[in-house]
Amino acid sequence: MLLLLVRHANAAERDPAQWPDDRDRPLTDKGRKVQAEVSRFLRKRDLSPSLVLTSPWTRAVQTAEILVEVALVGQPPVPCEPLARDPDLIRLQDFVGNRAGPAIVALVGHSPWMEDLASLLLGGTGTSVRTDFPKSGVMGIEVERLEPGAGELRFFVRPKMV
């Protein structure tokens, strides 16, 4: 299975007066545009996911919805609470394993947890691999199972590349 780790697109600045709960911050217009470009890039390279799991936070859900629409994914994104914080591989396996074995699965979440998940899959610990994971960035990791150190990096797309 190819996992696409997707960091949510650019969101509105924190403003407790406008969004008392940080989970409610929406994407900016620029964030939407950049995410559409990245999603189009994936589609043109036959990297459209068959399943999109997303943090339930607004900015991640909106990112996932753009990915689904532009990359022509056949089903809506599925909220996945473990992606809202430090991802737990066992809980993620429950979400991924309960689906009909898709070849490409997108996981849409937040920093630093996307970096921590990549580190866990690639190096076996949550902090062994560190990288700048930009908003709307996508890291493709091939895995046979969701276990520490079981992944192999296939690509890393930064929005400036598309």
N, C-alpha and C. Protein backbone atom coordinates (compact mmCIF):
# COMPACT_ATOMS: atom_id res chain seq x y z
N MET A 1 0.85 -1.17 0.00
CA MET A 1 0.00 0.00 0.00
C MET A 1 0.89 1.23 0.00
N LEU A 2 0.47 2.23 -0.75
CA LEU A 2 1.17 3.51 -0.76
C LEU A 2 0.40 4.48 0.12
N LEU A 3 1.06 4.98 1.16
CA LEU A 3 0.47 6.00 2.02
C LEU A 3 0.89 7.36 1.52
N LEU A 4 -0.06 8.25 1.38
CA LEU A 4 0.24 9.65 1.07
C LEU A 4 0.03 10.43 2.35
N LEU A 5 1.10 10.86 2.99
CA LEU A 5 0.98 11.71 4.17
C LEU A 5 0.84 13.13 3.67
N VAL A 6 -0.26 13.77 3.99
CA VAL A 6 -0.58 15.11 3.48
C VAL A 6 -0.72 16.06 4.65
N ARG A 7 0.09 17.11 4.65
CA ARG A 7 -0.10 18.14 5.67
C ARG A 7 -1.18 19.09 5.16
N HIS A 8 -2.07 19.51 6.03
CA HIS A 8 -3.16 20.40 5.62
C HIS A 8 -2.62 21.65 4.94
N ALA A 9 -3.45 22.26 4.11
CA ALA A 9 -3.08 23.48 3.38
C ALA A 9 -3.03 24.68 4.33
N ASN A 10 -2.58 25.80 3.78
CA ASN A 10 -2.43 27.04 4.55
C ASN A 10 -3.79 27.47 5.11
N ALA A 11 -3.82 27.72 6.43
CA ALA A 11 -5.07 28.10 7.11
C ALA A 11 -4.99 29.53 7.62
N ALA A 12 -6.14 30.06 7.99
CA ALA A 12 -6.21 31.40 8.57
C ALA A 12 -5.36 31.47 9.83
N GLU A 13 -4.83 32.66 10.08
CA GLU A 13 -4.04 32.87 11.29
C GLU A 13 -4.91 32.64 12.52
N ARG A 14 -4.25 32.23 13.59
CA ARG A 14 -4.97 32.06 14.86
C ARG A 14 -5.58 33.40 15.27
N ASP A 15 -6.85 33.37 15.61
CA ASP A 15 -7.56 34.56 16.06
C ASP A 15 -8.65 34.10 17.02
N PRO A 16 -8.35 34.12 18.32
CA PRO A 16 -9.32 33.64 19.30
C PRO A 16 -10.66 34.36 19.25
N ALA A 17 -10.67 35.60 18.78
CA ALA A 17 -11.94 36.33 18.67
C ALA A 17 -12.81 35.74 17.56
N GLN A 18 -12.17 35.34 16.46
CA GLN A 18 -12.92 34.80 15.32
C GLN A 18 -13.12 33.28 15.43
N TRP A 19 -12.07 32.58 15.90
CA TRP A 19 -12.13 31.12 16.04
C TRP A 19 -11.67 30.77 17.45
N PRO A 20 -12.57 30.82 18.43
CA PRO A 20 -12.19 30.51 19.81
C PRO A 20 -11.59 29.11 19.94
N ASP A 21 -12.05 28.20 19.11
CA ASP A 21 -11.52 26.85 19.10
C ASP A 21 -10.61 26.72 17.88
N ASP A 22 -9.33 26.49 18.12
CA ASP A 22 -8.35 26.42 17.03
C ASP A 22 -8.72 25.36 15.98
N ARG A 23 -9.45 24.36 16.38
CA ARG A 23 -9.84 23.30 15.45
C ARG A 23 -10.74 23.81 14.32
N ASP A 24 -11.32 25.00 14.51
CA ASP A 24 -12.28 25.54 13.53
C ASP A 24 -11.67 26.44 12.47
N ARG A 25 -10.37 26.69 12.55
CA ARG A 25 -9.76 27.61 11.57
C ARG A 25 -9.86 27.04 10.16
N PRO A 26 -10.37 27.83 9.19
CA PRO A 26 -10.51 27.37 7.81
C PRO A 26 -9.26 27.64 6.98
N LEU A 27 -9.26 27.08 5.78
CA LEU A 27 -8.18 27.36 4.83
C LEU A 27 -8.31 28.78 4.29
N THR A 28 -7.18 29.34 3.90
CA THR A 28 -7.19 30.62 3.20
C THR A 28 -7.46 30.35 1.72
N ASP A 29 -7.76 31.41 0.97
CA ASP A 29 -7.94 31.25 -0.48
C ASP A 29 -6.66 30.73 -1.11
N LYS A 30 -5.51 31.27 -0.67
CA LYS A 30 -4.23 30.80 -1.20
C LYS A 30 -4.02 29.32 -0.86
N GLY A 31 -4.37 28.93 0.35
CA GLY A 31 -4.24 27.53 0.75
C GLY A 31 -5.08 26.62 -0.13
N ARG A 32 -6.30 27.04 -0.44
CA ARG A 32 -7.17 26.26 -1.32
C ARG A 32 -6.57 26.11 -2.71
N LYS A 33 -6.03 27.21 -3.22
CA LYS A 33 -5.44 27.21 -4.56
C LYS A 33 -4.23 26.28 -4.63
N VAL A 34 -3.35 26.41 -3.66
CA VAL A 34 -2.14 25.58 -3.63
C VAL A 34 -2.51 24.10 -3.49
N GLN A 35 -3.48 23.80 -2.62
CA GLN A 35 -3.88 22.41 -2.44
C GLN A 35 -4.48 21.84 -3.72
N ALA A 36 -5.23 22.63 -4.44
CA ALA A 36 -5.79 22.17 -5.72
C ALA A 36 -4.67 21.86 -6.71
N GLU A 37 -3.63 22.69 -6.74
CA GLU A 37 -2.50 22.45 -7.64
C GLU A 37 -1.77 21.16 -7.27
N VAL A 38 -1.54 20.94 -5.99
CA VAL A 38 -0.86 19.72 -5.54
C VAL A 38 -1.73 18.50 -5.85
N SER A 39 -3.03 18.60 -5.63
CA SER A 39 -3.94 17.49 -5.91
C SER A 39 -3.98 17.17 -7.40
N ARG A 40 -3.96 18.20 -8.23
CA ARG A 40 -3.91 18.01 -9.69
C ARG A 40 -2.61 17.31 -10.09
N PHE A 41 -1.51 17.72 -9.47
CA PHE A 41 -0.20 17.11 -9.71
C PHE A 41 -0.26 15.61 -9.42
N LEU A 42 -0.87 15.24 -8.30
CA LEU A 42 -0.98 13.82 -7.94
C LEU A 42 -1.83 13.07 -8.96
N ARG A 43 -2.97 13.66 -9.34
CA ARG A 43 -3.86 13.01 -10.30
C ARG A 43 -3.16 12.75 -11.63
N LYS A 44 -2.42 13.74 -12.12
CA LYS A 44 -1.74 13.61 -13.41
C LYS A 44 -0.66 12.53 -13.39
N ARG A 45 -0.22 12.15 -12.22
CA ARG A 45 0.81 11.12 -12.08
C ARG A 45 0.24 9.79 -11.60
N ASP A 46 -1.07 9.65 -11.75
CA ASP A 46 -1.78 8.43 -11.32
C ASP A 46 -1.54 8.10 -9.86
N LEU A 47 -1.53 9.14 -9.02
CA LEU A 47 -1.34 8.97 -7.59
C LEU A 47 -2.58 9.39 -6.80
N SER A 48 -3.74 9.32 -7.44
CA SER A 48 -4.98 9.65 -6.74
C SER A 48 -5.29 8.53 -5.75
N PRO A 49 -5.57 8.90 -4.51
CA PRO A 49 -5.89 7.86 -3.52
C PRO A 49 -7.27 7.27 -3.75
N SER A 50 -7.44 6.04 -3.32
CA SER A 50 -8.78 5.43 -3.36
C SER A 50 -9.49 5.62 -2.03
N LEU A 51 -8.73 6.05 -1.01
CA LEU A 51 -9.30 6.32 0.31
C LEU A 51 -8.57 7.51 0.90
N VAL A 52 -9.33 8.47 1.46
CA VAL A 52 -8.74 9.63 2.12
C VAL A 52 -9.25 9.66 3.56
N LEU A 53 -8.32 9.52 4.50
CA LEU A 53 -8.63 9.66 5.93
C LEU A 53 -8.13 11.02 6.37
N THR A 54 -8.91 11.71 7.20
CA THR A 54 -8.53 13.07 7.58
C THR A 54 -8.78 13.34 9.05
N SER A 55 -7.92 14.18 9.60
CA SER A 55 -8.19 14.75 10.91
C SER A 55 -9.55 15.43 10.83
N PRO A 56 -10.34 15.41 11.89
CA PRO A 56 -11.65 16.08 11.84
C PRO A 56 -11.58 17.60 12.00
N TRP A 57 -10.40 18.17 12.15
CA TRP A 57 -10.28 19.62 12.28
C TRP A 57 -10.60 20.26 10.93
N THR A 58 -11.22 21.43 10.96
CA THR A 58 -11.74 22.08 9.75
C THR A 58 -10.70 22.20 8.65
N ARG A 59 -9.51 22.69 8.95
CA ARG A 59 -8.51 22.91 7.90
C ARG A 59 -8.06 21.60 7.25
N ALA A 60 -8.02 20.52 8.01
CA ALA A 60 -7.66 19.23 7.43
C ALA A 60 -8.81 18.68 6.58
N VAL A 61 -10.03 18.80 7.08
CA VAL A 61 -11.20 18.33 6.31
C VAL A 61 -11.30 19.08 4.99
N GLN A 62 -11.11 20.39 5.01
CA GLN A 62 -11.17 21.18 3.77
C GLN A 62 -10.06 20.77 2.81
N THR A 63 -8.87 20.49 3.34
CA THR A 63 -7.77 20.00 2.50
C THR A 63 -8.15 18.67 1.87
N ALA A 64 -8.70 17.77 2.66
CA ALA A 64 -9.11 16.45 2.16
C ALA A 64 -10.21 16.57 1.12
N GLU A 65 -11.14 17.49 1.32
CA GLU A 65 -12.22 17.68 0.35
C GLU A 65 -11.68 18.17 -0.99
N ILE A 66 -10.69 19.03 -0.97
CA ILE A 66 -10.07 19.49 -2.22
C ILE A 66 -9.36 18.33 -2.89
N LEU A 67 -8.63 17.55 -2.12
CA LEU A 67 -7.94 16.38 -2.68
C LEU A 67 -8.94 15.44 -3.34
N VAL A 68 -10.03 15.16 -2.66
CA VAL A 68 -11.06 14.26 -3.19
C VAL A 68 -11.65 14.80 -4.49
N GLU A 69 -11.96 16.10 -4.51
CA GLU A 69 -12.59 16.70 -5.69
C GLU A 69 -11.62 16.76 -6.88
N VAL A 70 -10.43 17.27 -6.66
CA VAL A 70 -9.50 17.51 -7.77
C VAL A 70 -8.83 16.21 -8.24
N ALA A 71 -8.53 15.32 -7.32
CA ALA A 71 -7.86 14.07 -7.70
C ALA A 71 -8.85 12.99 -8.12
N LEU A 72 -10.14 13.36 -8.14
CA LEU A 72 -11.20 12.46 -8.60
C LEU A 72 -11.28 11.17 -7.79
N VAL A 73 -11.23 11.32 -6.48
CA VAL A 73 -11.40 10.19 -5.57
C VAL A 73 -12.88 9.84 -5.56
N GLY A 74 -13.21 8.58 -5.58
CA GLY A 74 -14.59 8.16 -5.72
C GLY A 74 -15.46 8.21 -4.48
N GLN A 75 -14.91 8.60 -3.34
CA GLN A 75 -15.71 8.65 -2.12
C GLN A 75 -15.25 9.82 -1.25
N PRO A 76 -16.13 10.32 -0.39
CA PRO A 76 -15.76 11.47 0.45
C PRO A 76 -14.69 11.09 1.47
N PRO A 77 -13.99 12.09 2.01
CA PRO A 77 -12.99 11.80 3.03
C PRO A 77 -13.65 11.24 4.30
N VAL A 78 -12.90 10.40 4.99
CA VAL A 78 -13.38 9.75 6.20
C VAL A 78 -12.70 10.38 7.41
N PRO A 79 -13.46 10.96 8.35
CA PRO A 79 -12.84 11.53 9.55
C PRO A 79 -12.13 10.44 10.35
N CYS A 80 -10.94 10.77 10.80
CA CYS A 80 -10.09 9.81 11.53
C CYS A 80 -9.46 10.55 12.71
N GLU A 81 -10.03 10.40 13.88
CA GLU A 81 -9.60 11.12 15.07
C GLU A 81 -8.10 10.98 15.36
N PRO A 82 -7.47 9.81 15.15
CA PRO A 82 -6.04 9.72 15.44
C PRO A 82 -5.18 10.71 14.64
N LEU A 83 -5.68 11.20 13.52
CA LEU A 83 -4.91 12.16 12.72
C LEU A 83 -4.99 13.58 13.26
N ALA A 84 -5.81 13.81 14.29
CA ALA A 84 -5.93 15.14 14.88
C ALA A 84 -4.82 15.40 15.89
N ARG A 85 -4.08 14.39 16.23
CA ARG A 85 -3.00 14.54 17.21
C ARG A 85 -1.93 13.52 16.87
N ASP A 86 -1.11 13.21 17.82
CA ASP A 86 -0.01 12.28 17.61
C ASP A 86 -0.56 10.93 17.13
N PRO A 87 -0.35 10.57 15.86
CA PRO A 87 -0.96 9.36 15.33
C PRO A 87 -0.44 8.10 16.02
N ASP A 88 -1.36 7.23 16.34
CA ASP A 88 -1.08 5.94 16.95
C ASP A 88 -1.24 4.90 15.84
N LEU A 89 -0.17 4.17 15.55
CA LEU A 89 -0.22 3.23 14.43
C LEU A 89 -1.29 2.16 14.61
N ILE A 90 -1.53 1.74 15.84
CA ILE A 90 -2.55 0.72 16.07
C ILE A 90 -3.93 1.27 15.72
N ARG A 91 -4.21 2.48 16.16
CA ARG A 91 -5.52 3.08 15.85
C ARG A 91 -5.64 3.39 14.35
N LEU A 92 -4.54 3.84 13.72
CA LEU A 92 -4.58 4.08 12.27
C LEU A 92 -4.82 2.77 11.53
N GLN A 93 -4.17 1.70 11.98
CA GLN A 93 -4.36 0.39 11.35
C GLN A 93 -5.83 -0.02 11.40
N ASP A 94 -6.50 0.30 12.51
CA ASP A 94 -7.93 -0.01 12.61
C ASP A 94 -8.72 0.71 11.51
N PHE A 95 -8.39 1.97 11.26
CA PHE A 95 -9.09 2.73 10.22
C PHE A 95 -8.75 2.20 8.83
N VAL A 96 -7.47 2.01 8.57
CA VAL A 96 -7.04 1.56 7.24
C VAL A 96 -7.43 0.11 7.02
N GLY A 97 -7.23 -0.72 8.04
CA GLY A 97 -7.51 -2.15 7.92
C GLY A 97 -8.98 -2.48 7.76
N ASN A 98 -9.85 -1.60 8.22
CA ASN A 98 -11.29 -1.84 8.10
C ASN A 98 -11.83 -1.43 6.74
N ARG A 99 -10.99 -0.90 5.88
CA ARG A 99 -11.42 -0.50 4.54
C ARG A 99 -11.04 -1.62 3.57
N ALA A 100 -11.59 -1.58 2.38
CA ALA A 100 -11.39 -2.65 1.40
C ALA A 100 -10.04 -2.54 0.70
N GLY A 101 -8.96 -2.71 1.42
CA GLY A 101 -7.61 -2.81 0.89
C GLY A 101 -7.23 -1.92 -0.26
N PRO A 102 -7.41 -0.61 -0.16
CA PRO A 102 -7.03 0.26 -1.28
C PRO A 102 -5.52 0.29 -1.49
N ALA A 103 -5.13 0.53 -2.72
CA ALA A 103 -3.71 0.57 -3.05
C ALA A 103 -3.05 1.87 -2.61
N ILE A 104 -3.79 2.98 -2.65
CA ILE A 104 -3.25 4.28 -2.25
C ILE A 104 -4.20 4.89 -1.22
N VAL A 105 -3.65 5.21 -0.05
CA VAL A 105 -4.44 5.80 1.04
C VAL A 105 -3.80 7.13 1.41
N ALA A 106 -4.59 8.20 1.44
CA ALA A 106 -4.10 9.50 1.88
C ALA A 106 -4.49 9.71 3.33
N LEU A 107 -3.53 10.21 4.11
CA LEU A 107 -3.75 10.56 5.52
C LEU A 107 -3.50 12.05 5.63
N VAL A 108 -4.54 12.83 5.93
CA VAL A 108 -4.43 14.29 5.99
C VAL A 108 -4.40 14.71 7.45
N GLY A 109 -3.32 15.42 7.82
CA GLY A 109 -3.18 15.81 9.21
C GLY A 109 -2.36 17.06 9.41
N HIS A 110 -1.74 17.15 10.56
CA HIS A 110 -1.12 18.37 11.05
C HIS A 110 0.36 18.18 11.37
N SER A 111 1.06 19.30 11.44
CA SER A 111 2.44 19.31 11.92
C SER A 111 2.39 19.52 13.43
N PRO A 112 3.22 18.88 14.19
CA PRO A 112 4.36 18.04 13.82
C PRO A 112 4.02 16.57 13.65
N TRP A 113 2.74 16.22 13.71
CA TRP A 113 2.38 14.81 13.73
C TRP A 113 2.60 14.10 12.41
N MET A 114 2.48 14.79 11.28
CA MET A 114 2.79 14.14 10.01
C MET A 114 4.28 13.79 9.96
N GLU A 115 5.12 14.71 10.45
CA GLU A 115 6.56 14.44 10.50
C GLU A 115 6.84 13.27 11.43
N ASP A 116 6.16 13.24 12.58
CA ASP A 116 6.37 12.15 13.53
C ASP A 116 5.93 10.81 12.94
N LEU A 117 4.82 10.81 12.22
CA LEU A 117 4.34 9.58 11.60
C LEU A 117 5.33 9.11 10.53
N ALA A 118 5.83 10.04 9.71
CA ALA A 118 6.84 9.68 8.71
C ALA A 118 8.07 9.10 9.39
N SER A 119 8.52 9.74 10.46
CA SER A 119 9.69 9.26 11.20
C SER A 119 9.46 7.86 11.73
N LEU A 120 8.29 7.62 12.27
CA LEU A 120 7.97 6.32 12.83
C LEU A 120 7.97 5.25 11.74
N LEU A 121 7.32 5.54 10.61
CA LEU A 121 7.25 4.56 9.53
C LEU A 121 8.59 4.32 8.85
N LEU A 122 9.40 5.37 8.73
CA LEU A 122 10.66 5.26 8.00
C LEU A 122 11.84 4.84 8.88
N GLY A 123 11.83 5.29 10.13
CA GLY A 123 13.00 5.04 10.96
C GLY A 123 12.76 4.24 12.20
N GLY A 124 11.51 4.03 12.54
CA GLY A 124 11.21 3.22 13.70
C GLY A 124 10.97 3.99 14.98
N THR A 125 11.36 5.28 15.01
CA THR A 125 11.04 6.09 16.18
C THR A 125 10.34 7.35 15.71
N GLY A 126 9.67 8.01 16.61
CA GLY A 126 8.90 9.19 16.23
C GLY A 126 9.73 10.43 15.97
N THR A 127 11.04 10.36 16.21
CA THR A 127 11.86 11.56 16.03
C THR A 127 13.15 11.30 15.26
N SER A 128 13.32 10.11 14.70
CA SER A 128 14.59 9.78 14.06
C SER A 128 14.78 10.43 12.69
N VAL A 129 13.70 10.73 12.01
CA VAL A 129 13.78 11.36 10.70
C VAL A 129 13.08 12.71 10.81
N ARG A 130 13.82 13.78 10.58
CA ARG A 130 13.22 15.11 10.69
C ARG A 130 13.33 15.82 9.35
N THR A 131 12.26 16.46 8.95
CA THR A 131 12.26 17.20 7.70
C THR A 131 11.29 18.37 7.82
N ASP A 132 11.48 19.34 6.97
CA ASP A 132 10.53 20.44 6.87
C ASP A 132 9.37 19.93 6.02
N PHE A 133 8.22 19.79 6.63
CA PHE A 133 7.04 19.26 5.94
C PHE A 133 6.11 20.45 5.71
N PRO A 134 6.16 21.08 4.53
CA PRO A 134 5.38 22.30 4.30
C PRO A 134 3.88 22.02 4.21
N LYS A 135 3.11 23.06 4.41
CA LYS A 135 1.67 22.94 4.24
C LYS A 135 1.38 22.54 2.79
N SER A 136 0.46 21.62 2.61
CA SER A 136 0.11 21.01 1.32
C SER A 136 1.19 20.07 0.81
N GLY A 137 2.21 19.81 1.60
CA GLY A 137 3.23 18.85 1.21
C GLY A 137 2.67 17.43 1.25
N VAL A 138 3.23 16.55 0.40
CA VAL A 138 2.79 15.16 0.33
C VAL A 138 4.02 14.26 0.34
N MET A 139 4.04 13.33 1.27
CA MET A 139 5.11 12.34 1.32
C MET A 139 4.52 10.97 1.01
N GLY A 140 5.07 10.30 0.01
CA GLY A 140 4.61 8.97 -0.36
C GLY A 140 5.49 7.92 0.28
N ILE A 141 4.89 7.06 1.09
CA ILE A 141 5.63 6.02 1.80
C ILE A 141 4.97 4.68 1.50
N GLU A 142 5.75 3.76 0.95
CA GLU A 142 5.27 2.41 0.65
C GLU A 142 5.36 1.56 1.92
N VAL A 143 4.26 0.89 2.26
CA VAL A 143 4.24 0.03 3.44
C VAL A 143 3.48 -1.26 3.12
N GLU A 144 3.91 -2.34 3.74
CA GLU A 144 3.13 -3.58 3.69
C GLU A 144 2.25 -3.67 4.92
N ARG A 145 2.72 -3.04 6.00
CA ARG A 145 1.98 -3.02 7.25
C ARG A 145 2.33 -1.73 7.99
N LEU A 146 1.43 -1.27 8.83
CA LEU A 146 1.68 -0.06 9.61
C LEU A 146 2.43 -0.43 10.88
N GLU A 147 3.76 -0.48 10.75
CA GLU A 147 4.63 -0.81 11.88
C GLU A 147 5.84 0.11 11.85
N PRO A 148 6.43 0.38 13.02
CA PRO A 148 7.63 1.21 13.05
C PRO A 148 8.73 0.65 12.15
N GLY A 149 9.30 1.51 11.33
CA GLY A 149 10.40 1.13 10.45
C GLY A 149 10.00 0.33 9.23
N ALA A 150 8.71 0.11 9.00
CA ALA A 150 8.25 -0.75 7.90
C ALA A 150 8.06 -0.02 6.58
N GLY A 151 8.28 1.30 6.56
CA GLY A 151 8.02 2.07 5.35
C GLY A 151 9.26 2.36 4.53
N GLU A 152 9.02 2.62 3.25
CA GLU A 152 10.08 3.01 2.33
C GLU A 152 9.63 4.29 1.61
N LEU A 153 10.45 5.33 1.70
CA LEU A 153 10.12 6.61 1.08
C LEU A 153 10.13 6.47 -0.43
N ARG A 154 9.03 6.88 -1.08
CA ARG A 154 8.93 6.84 -2.54
C ARG A 154 9.08 8.24 -3.15
N PHE A 155 8.52 9.25 -2.49
CA PHE A 155 8.64 10.62 -3.00
C PHE A 155 8.22 11.60 -1.91
N PHE A 156 8.60 12.84 -2.12
CA PHE A 156 8.21 13.94 -1.23
C PHE A 156 7.95 15.14 -2.12
N VAL A 157 6.69 15.55 -2.20
CA VAL A 157 6.29 16.66 -3.05
C VAL A 157 6.07 17.89 -2.19
N ARG A 158 6.80 18.94 -2.51
CA ARG A 158 6.60 20.23 -1.87
C ARG A 158 5.80 21.10 -2.83
N PRO A 159 4.90 21.93 -2.32
CA PRO A 159 4.06 22.73 -3.21
C PRO A 159 4.85 23.57 -4.21
N LYS A 160 6.03 24.02 -3.84
CA LYS A 160 6.83 24.84 -4.77
C LYS A 160 7.30 24.04 -5.97
N MET A 161 7.22 22.71 -5.91
CA MET A 161 7.66 21.86 -7.01
C MET A 161 6.62 21.75 -8.11
N VAL A 162 5.36 22.04 -7.80
CA VAL A 162 4.30 21.80 -8.79
C VAL A 162 3.92 23.05 -9.55
